[in-house]
């Protein structure tokens, strides 16, 4: 579940951006589902240092996760990564997940937010 303390740690404003991101790879020890290596998630909201996403599978708190984003004007996708800080089960067996992004992802996310708001 999302502890209230994480809201206190917010370093940038949240933007309501709904998009589909592609998950690069997650080791089997970090997910509870089995099957295809190709997975996606839906963004709920994003800030420069974190994002909330909706997943069809469960991930463990403190696991590392890598996501592909597509920025306007670029053919290549950009890889951003971070750490799962909280997770909670939502309706329809989906999981709402909070990801704290690594510092090297911040510039890419700020550009992506600017393009999508």
N, C-alpha and C. Protein backbone atom coordinates (compact mmCIF):
# COMPACT_ATOMS: atom_id res chain seq x y z
N UNK A 1 0.83 -1.17 0.00
CA UNK A 1 0.00 0.00 0.00
C UNK A 1 0.88 1.25 0.00
N UNK A 2 0.31 2.35 -0.44
CA UNK A 2 1.05 3.59 -0.54
C UNK A 2 1.07 4.30 0.82
N UNK A 3 2.22 4.38 1.45
CA UNK A 3 2.30 5.11 2.71
C UNK A 3 2.18 6.61 2.46
N UNK A 4 1.57 7.31 3.39
CA UNK A 4 1.41 8.75 3.23
C UNK A 4 2.75 9.47 3.21
N UNK A 5 3.77 8.87 3.79
CA UNK A 5 5.08 9.50 3.82
C UNK A 5 5.62 9.74 2.41
N UNK A 6 5.23 8.92 1.43
CA UNK A 6 5.71 9.11 0.07
C UNK A 6 5.18 10.40 -0.52
N UNK A 7 3.98 10.82 -0.15
CA UNK A 7 3.47 12.09 -0.63
C UNK A 7 4.30 13.24 -0.08
N UNK A 8 4.81 13.09 1.14
CA UNK A 8 5.64 14.11 1.76
C UNK A 8 7.00 14.23 1.05
N UNK A 9 7.44 13.19 0.35
CA UNK A 9 8.73 13.18 -0.30
C UNK A 9 8.69 13.77 -1.70
N UNK A 10 7.53 14.16 -2.19
CA UNK A 10 7.38 14.65 -3.55
C UNK A 10 8.28 15.85 -3.79
N UNK A 11 9.08 15.80 -4.88
CA UNK A 11 10.01 16.87 -5.20
C UNK A 11 9.59 17.67 -6.44
N UNK A 12 8.55 17.23 -7.12
CA UNK A 12 8.11 17.91 -8.34
C UNK A 12 6.60 17.75 -8.46
N UNK A 13 5.92 18.69 -9.12
CA UNK A 13 4.47 18.57 -9.27
C UNK A 13 4.10 17.38 -10.14
N UNK A 14 2.92 16.82 -9.87
CA UNK A 14 2.39 15.68 -10.61
C UNK A 14 1.64 16.16 -11.84
N UNK A 15 1.79 15.46 -12.95
CA UNK A 15 1.01 15.74 -14.17
C UNK A 15 0.15 14.53 -14.47
N UNK A 16 -1.10 14.78 -14.79
CA UNK A 16 -2.02 13.69 -15.14
C UNK A 16 -1.79 13.32 -16.61
N UNK A 17 -0.96 12.35 -16.86
CA UNK A 17 -0.66 11.89 -18.21
C UNK A 17 -1.05 10.42 -18.30
N UNK A 18 -1.93 10.10 -19.23
CA UNK A 18 -2.31 8.71 -19.44
C UNK A 18 -1.72 8.26 -20.76
N UNK A 19 -0.87 7.25 -20.69
CA UNK A 19 -0.17 6.75 -21.85
C UNK A 19 0.18 5.29 -21.58
N UNK A 20 0.60 4.59 -22.61
CA UNK A 20 1.06 3.21 -22.46
C UNK A 20 2.56 3.20 -22.60
N UNK A 21 3.25 2.63 -21.64
CA UNK A 21 4.69 2.48 -21.67
C UNK A 21 5.02 1.00 -21.77
N UNK A 22 6.17 0.70 -22.32
CA UNK A 22 6.61 -0.68 -22.48
C UNK A 22 7.65 -0.99 -21.43
N UNK A 23 7.51 -2.11 -20.79
CA UNK A 23 8.44 -2.53 -19.76
C UNK A 23 9.51 -3.38 -20.43
N UNK A 24 10.76 -2.99 -20.24
CA UNK A 24 11.85 -3.65 -20.93
C UNK A 24 12.06 -5.07 -20.43
N UNK A 25 12.41 -5.20 -19.18
CA UNK A 25 12.63 -6.54 -18.65
C UNK A 25 12.54 -6.51 -17.14
N UNK A 26 11.94 -7.53 -16.63
CA UNK A 26 11.83 -7.69 -15.19
C UNK A 26 12.14 -9.15 -14.92
N UNK A 27 13.05 -9.42 -14.02
CA UNK A 27 13.40 -10.81 -13.76
C UNK A 27 12.23 -11.53 -13.11
N UNK A 28 12.19 -12.84 -13.28
CA UNK A 28 11.06 -13.62 -12.77
C UNK A 28 10.91 -13.50 -11.27
N UNK A 29 11.96 -13.15 -10.55
CA UNK A 29 11.85 -13.00 -9.11
C UNK A 29 11.12 -11.72 -8.72
N UNK A 30 10.91 -10.81 -9.68
CA UNK A 30 10.28 -9.54 -9.37
C UNK A 30 8.82 -9.47 -9.80
N UNK A 31 8.33 -10.46 -10.49
CA UNK A 31 6.93 -10.46 -10.91
C UNK A 31 6.27 -11.73 -10.45
N UNK A 32 4.95 -11.68 -10.32
CA UNK A 32 4.23 -12.87 -9.91
C UNK A 32 3.60 -13.58 -11.09
N UNK A 33 3.50 -12.90 -12.24
CA UNK A 33 2.90 -13.54 -13.41
C UNK A 33 3.97 -14.23 -14.22
N UNK A 34 3.56 -15.20 -15.00
CA UNK A 34 4.48 -15.86 -15.93
C UNK A 34 3.91 -15.69 -17.32
N UNK A 35 4.74 -15.84 -18.31
CA UNK A 35 4.26 -15.71 -19.68
C UNK A 35 5.22 -14.88 -20.49
N UNK A 36 4.67 -14.10 -21.39
CA UNK A 36 5.45 -13.31 -22.33
C UNK A 36 6.37 -12.32 -21.63
N UNK A 37 7.55 -12.12 -22.20
CA UNK A 37 8.47 -11.11 -21.67
C UNK A 37 8.04 -9.70 -22.05
N UNK A 38 7.13 -9.58 -23.03
CA UNK A 38 6.67 -8.28 -23.51
C UNK A 38 5.49 -7.83 -22.66
N UNK A 39 5.69 -6.79 -21.89
CA UNK A 39 4.64 -6.30 -21.00
C UNK A 39 4.49 -4.80 -21.18
N UNK A 40 3.32 -4.30 -20.84
CA UNK A 40 3.07 -2.86 -20.90
C UNK A 40 2.46 -2.41 -19.59
N UNK A 41 2.47 -1.10 -19.38
CA UNK A 41 1.78 -0.52 -18.24
C UNK A 41 1.10 0.75 -18.70
N UNK A 42 0.12 1.19 -17.95
CA UNK A 42 -0.59 2.43 -18.24
C UNK A 42 -0.22 3.46 -17.18
N UNK A 43 0.23 4.64 -17.62
CA UNK A 43 0.56 5.68 -16.66
C UNK A 43 -0.72 6.31 -16.13
N UNK A 44 -0.72 6.65 -14.86
CA UNK A 44 -1.82 7.35 -14.22
C UNK A 44 -1.43 8.81 -14.02
N UNK A 45 -0.28 9.04 -13.41
CA UNK A 45 0.27 10.38 -13.31
C UNK A 45 1.78 10.28 -13.19
N UNK A 46 2.43 11.39 -13.51
CA UNK A 46 3.88 11.40 -13.63
C UNK A 46 4.44 12.70 -13.06
N UNK A 47 5.57 12.62 -12.40
CA UNK A 47 6.33 13.81 -12.03
C UNK A 47 7.75 13.57 -12.49
N UNK A 48 8.60 14.58 -12.36
CA UNK A 48 9.98 14.45 -12.82
C UNK A 48 10.74 13.34 -12.10
N UNK A 49 10.31 13.01 -10.89
CA UNK A 49 11.05 12.04 -10.10
C UNK A 49 10.28 10.74 -9.83
N UNK A 50 9.08 10.62 -10.38
CA UNK A 50 8.32 9.41 -10.12
C UNK A 50 7.08 9.30 -10.98
N UNK A 51 6.47 8.15 -10.92
CA UNK A 51 5.22 7.94 -11.66
C UNK A 51 4.38 6.87 -10.97
N UNK A 52 3.07 6.97 -11.21
CA UNK A 52 2.15 5.93 -10.81
C UNK A 52 1.70 5.24 -12.08
N UNK A 53 1.77 3.91 -12.08
CA UNK A 53 1.37 3.14 -13.25
C UNK A 53 0.41 2.04 -12.82
N UNK A 54 -0.37 1.57 -13.79
CA UNK A 54 -1.30 0.47 -13.56
C UNK A 54 -0.77 -0.74 -14.33
N UNK A 55 -0.55 -1.84 -13.62
CA UNK A 55 0.00 -3.06 -14.21
C UNK A 55 -1.01 -4.19 -14.14
N UNK A 56 -0.88 -5.14 -15.05
CA UNK A 56 -1.70 -6.36 -15.03
C UNK A 56 -1.07 -7.44 -14.18
N UNK A 57 0.07 -7.18 -13.61
CA UNK A 57 0.80 -8.17 -12.82
C UNK A 57 1.42 -7.47 -11.62
N UNK A 58 1.77 -8.25 -10.62
CA UNK A 58 2.30 -7.69 -9.39
C UNK A 58 3.82 -7.62 -9.46
N UNK A 59 4.38 -6.55 -8.90
CA UNK A 59 5.83 -6.41 -8.75
C UNK A 59 6.11 -6.23 -7.26
N UNK A 60 7.31 -6.54 -6.88
CA UNK A 60 7.69 -6.45 -5.48
C UNK A 60 8.23 -5.06 -5.15
N UNK A 61 7.94 -4.60 -3.95
CA UNK A 61 8.49 -3.33 -3.47
C UNK A 61 10.02 -3.45 -3.45
N UNK A 62 10.68 -2.38 -3.82
CA UNK A 62 12.14 -2.26 -3.91
C UNK A 62 12.73 -2.94 -5.14
N UNK A 63 11.91 -3.47 -6.03
CA UNK A 63 12.46 -4.05 -7.25
C UNK A 63 12.78 -2.94 -8.25
N UNK A 64 13.79 -3.17 -9.07
CA UNK A 64 14.18 -2.23 -10.11
C UNK A 64 13.32 -2.49 -11.34
N UNK A 65 12.86 -1.42 -11.98
CA UNK A 65 11.99 -1.57 -13.14
C UNK A 65 12.46 -0.60 -14.22
N UNK A 66 12.44 -1.04 -15.47
CA UNK A 66 12.85 -0.21 -16.60
C UNK A 66 11.67 -0.05 -17.54
N UNK A 67 11.44 1.18 -18.01
CA UNK A 67 10.30 1.49 -18.88
C UNK A 67 10.79 2.23 -20.12
N UNK A 68 10.18 1.92 -21.25
CA UNK A 68 10.47 2.64 -22.49
C UNK A 68 9.43 3.73 -22.67
N UNK A 69 9.88 4.95 -22.99
CA UNK A 69 8.96 6.04 -23.35
C UNK A 69 9.29 6.50 -24.76
N UNK A 70 8.30 7.03 -25.44
CA UNK A 70 8.50 7.55 -26.79
C UNK A 70 8.34 9.07 -26.72
N UNK A 71 9.37 9.80 -27.12
CA UNK A 71 9.33 11.25 -27.11
C UNK A 71 9.07 11.75 -28.52
N UNK A 72 8.21 12.77 -28.63
CA UNK A 72 7.91 13.36 -29.94
C UNK A 72 9.19 13.80 -30.64
N UNK A 73 9.24 13.56 -31.94
CA UNK A 73 10.38 13.97 -32.74
C UNK A 73 11.55 13.00 -32.68
N UNK A 74 11.39 11.92 -31.96
CA UNK A 74 12.45 10.91 -31.89
C UNK A 74 11.90 9.58 -32.36
N UNK A 75 12.66 8.91 -33.20
CA UNK A 75 12.25 7.58 -33.65
C UNK A 75 12.50 6.54 -32.57
N UNK A 76 13.61 6.71 -31.87
CA UNK A 76 13.98 5.73 -30.85
C UNK A 76 13.24 5.99 -29.54
N UNK A 77 12.94 4.92 -28.86
CA UNK A 77 12.37 5.04 -27.53
C UNK A 77 13.49 5.32 -26.53
N UNK A 78 13.13 5.94 -25.42
CA UNK A 78 14.09 6.27 -24.38
C UNK A 78 13.82 5.37 -23.17
N UNK A 79 14.87 4.81 -22.63
CA UNK A 79 14.75 3.94 -21.47
C UNK A 79 14.88 4.77 -20.20
N UNK A 80 13.89 4.66 -19.32
CA UNK A 80 13.97 5.27 -17.99
C UNK A 80 13.84 4.15 -16.97
N UNK A 81 14.40 4.36 -15.80
CA UNK A 81 14.34 3.30 -14.81
C UNK A 81 14.17 3.87 -13.41
N UNK A 82 13.76 3.00 -12.53
CA UNK A 82 13.53 3.42 -11.16
C UNK A 82 13.27 2.23 -10.25
N UNK A 83 12.81 2.55 -9.05
CA UNK A 83 12.59 1.55 -8.02
C UNK A 83 11.12 1.58 -7.60
N UNK A 84 10.51 0.41 -7.49
CA UNK A 84 9.13 0.30 -7.02
C UNK A 84 9.13 0.63 -5.53
N UNK A 85 8.38 1.68 -5.17
CA UNK A 85 8.34 2.12 -3.77
C UNK A 85 7.08 1.66 -3.04
N UNK A 86 5.98 1.46 -3.77
CA UNK A 86 4.76 0.95 -3.16
C UNK A 86 3.90 0.30 -4.24
N UNK A 87 3.01 -0.56 -3.81
CA UNK A 87 2.08 -1.22 -4.72
C UNK A 87 0.81 -1.56 -3.97
N UNK A 88 -0.31 -1.50 -4.67
CA UNK A 88 -1.59 -1.86 -4.07
C UNK A 88 -2.46 -2.49 -5.15
N UNK A 89 -3.23 -3.47 -4.76
CA UNK A 89 -4.13 -4.14 -5.70
C UNK A 89 -5.35 -3.25 -5.92
N UNK A 90 -5.74 -3.09 -7.18
CA UNK A 90 -6.90 -2.27 -7.50
C UNK A 90 -7.96 -3.15 -8.15
N UNK A 91 -8.97 -2.53 -8.73
CA UNK A 91 -10.06 -3.27 -9.35
C UNK A 91 -9.57 -4.12 -10.51
N UNK A 92 -10.32 -5.14 -10.82
CA UNK A 92 -10.06 -6.02 -11.98
C UNK A 92 -8.70 -6.69 -11.94
N UNK A 93 -8.22 -7.03 -10.75
CA UNK A 93 -6.94 -7.71 -10.58
C UNK A 93 -5.77 -6.96 -11.21
N UNK A 94 -5.80 -5.65 -11.15
CA UNK A 94 -4.68 -4.83 -11.61
C UNK A 94 -3.97 -4.28 -10.38
N UNK A 95 -2.76 -3.76 -10.61
CA UNK A 95 -1.94 -3.28 -9.51
C UNK A 95 -1.51 -1.84 -9.78
N UNK A 96 -1.81 -0.95 -8.83
CA UNK A 96 -1.36 0.43 -8.89
C UNK A 96 0.00 0.46 -8.23
N UNK A 97 1.00 1.00 -8.96
CA UNK A 97 2.38 0.91 -8.52
C UNK A 97 3.02 2.30 -8.54
N UNK A 98 3.73 2.64 -7.49
CA UNK A 98 4.49 3.89 -7.42
C UNK A 98 5.95 3.62 -7.68
N UNK A 99 6.52 4.32 -8.66
CA UNK A 99 7.91 4.13 -9.05
C UNK A 99 8.68 5.42 -8.80
N UNK A 100 9.75 5.34 -8.03
CA UNK A 100 10.65 6.47 -7.85
C UNK A 100 11.72 6.35 -8.93
N UNK A 101 11.81 7.36 -9.80
CA UNK A 101 12.74 7.31 -10.92
C UNK A 101 14.17 7.63 -10.48
N UNK A 102 15.12 7.00 -11.13
CA UNK A 102 16.52 7.29 -10.88
C UNK A 102 16.89 8.66 -11.44
N UNK A 103 17.89 9.29 -10.87
CA UNK A 103 18.29 10.65 -11.26
C UNK A 103 18.59 10.76 -12.75
N UNK A 104 19.18 9.72 -13.36
CA UNK A 104 19.52 9.80 -14.78
C UNK A 104 18.30 9.75 -15.68
N UNK A 105 17.12 9.49 -15.14
CA UNK A 105 15.88 9.47 -15.93
C UNK A 105 15.15 10.81 -15.90
N UNK A 106 15.51 11.69 -14.97
CA UNK A 106 14.75 12.92 -14.73
C UNK A 106 14.65 13.80 -15.98
N UNK A 107 15.75 14.05 -16.67
CA UNK A 107 15.70 14.92 -17.86
C UNK A 107 14.78 14.36 -18.93
N UNK A 108 14.82 13.05 -19.15
CA UNK A 108 13.95 12.42 -20.15
C UNK A 108 12.49 12.56 -19.76
N UNK A 109 12.18 12.35 -18.49
CA UNK A 109 10.79 12.43 -18.03
C UNK A 109 10.30 13.87 -18.09
N UNK A 110 11.13 14.84 -17.70
CA UNK A 110 10.71 16.24 -17.78
C UNK A 110 10.37 16.62 -19.22
N UNK A 111 11.17 16.18 -20.16
CA UNK A 111 10.89 16.46 -21.58
C UNK A 111 9.60 15.79 -22.02
N UNK A 112 9.39 14.55 -21.60
CA UNK A 112 8.19 13.80 -21.96
C UNK A 112 6.94 14.45 -21.36
N UNK A 113 7.03 14.92 -20.11
CA UNK A 113 5.90 15.61 -19.47
C UNK A 113 5.57 16.87 -20.25
N UNK A 114 6.58 17.64 -20.59
CA UNK A 114 6.37 18.88 -21.34
C UNK A 114 5.67 18.62 -22.68
N UNK A 115 6.02 17.53 -23.35
CA UNK A 115 5.42 17.19 -24.64
C UNK A 115 3.99 16.69 -24.50
N UNK A 116 3.63 16.19 -23.32
CA UNK A 116 2.33 15.55 -23.15
C UNK A 116 1.34 16.35 -22.32
N UNK A 117 1.70 17.56 -21.89
CA UNK A 117 0.76 18.36 -21.11
C UNK A 117 0.40 19.62 -21.87
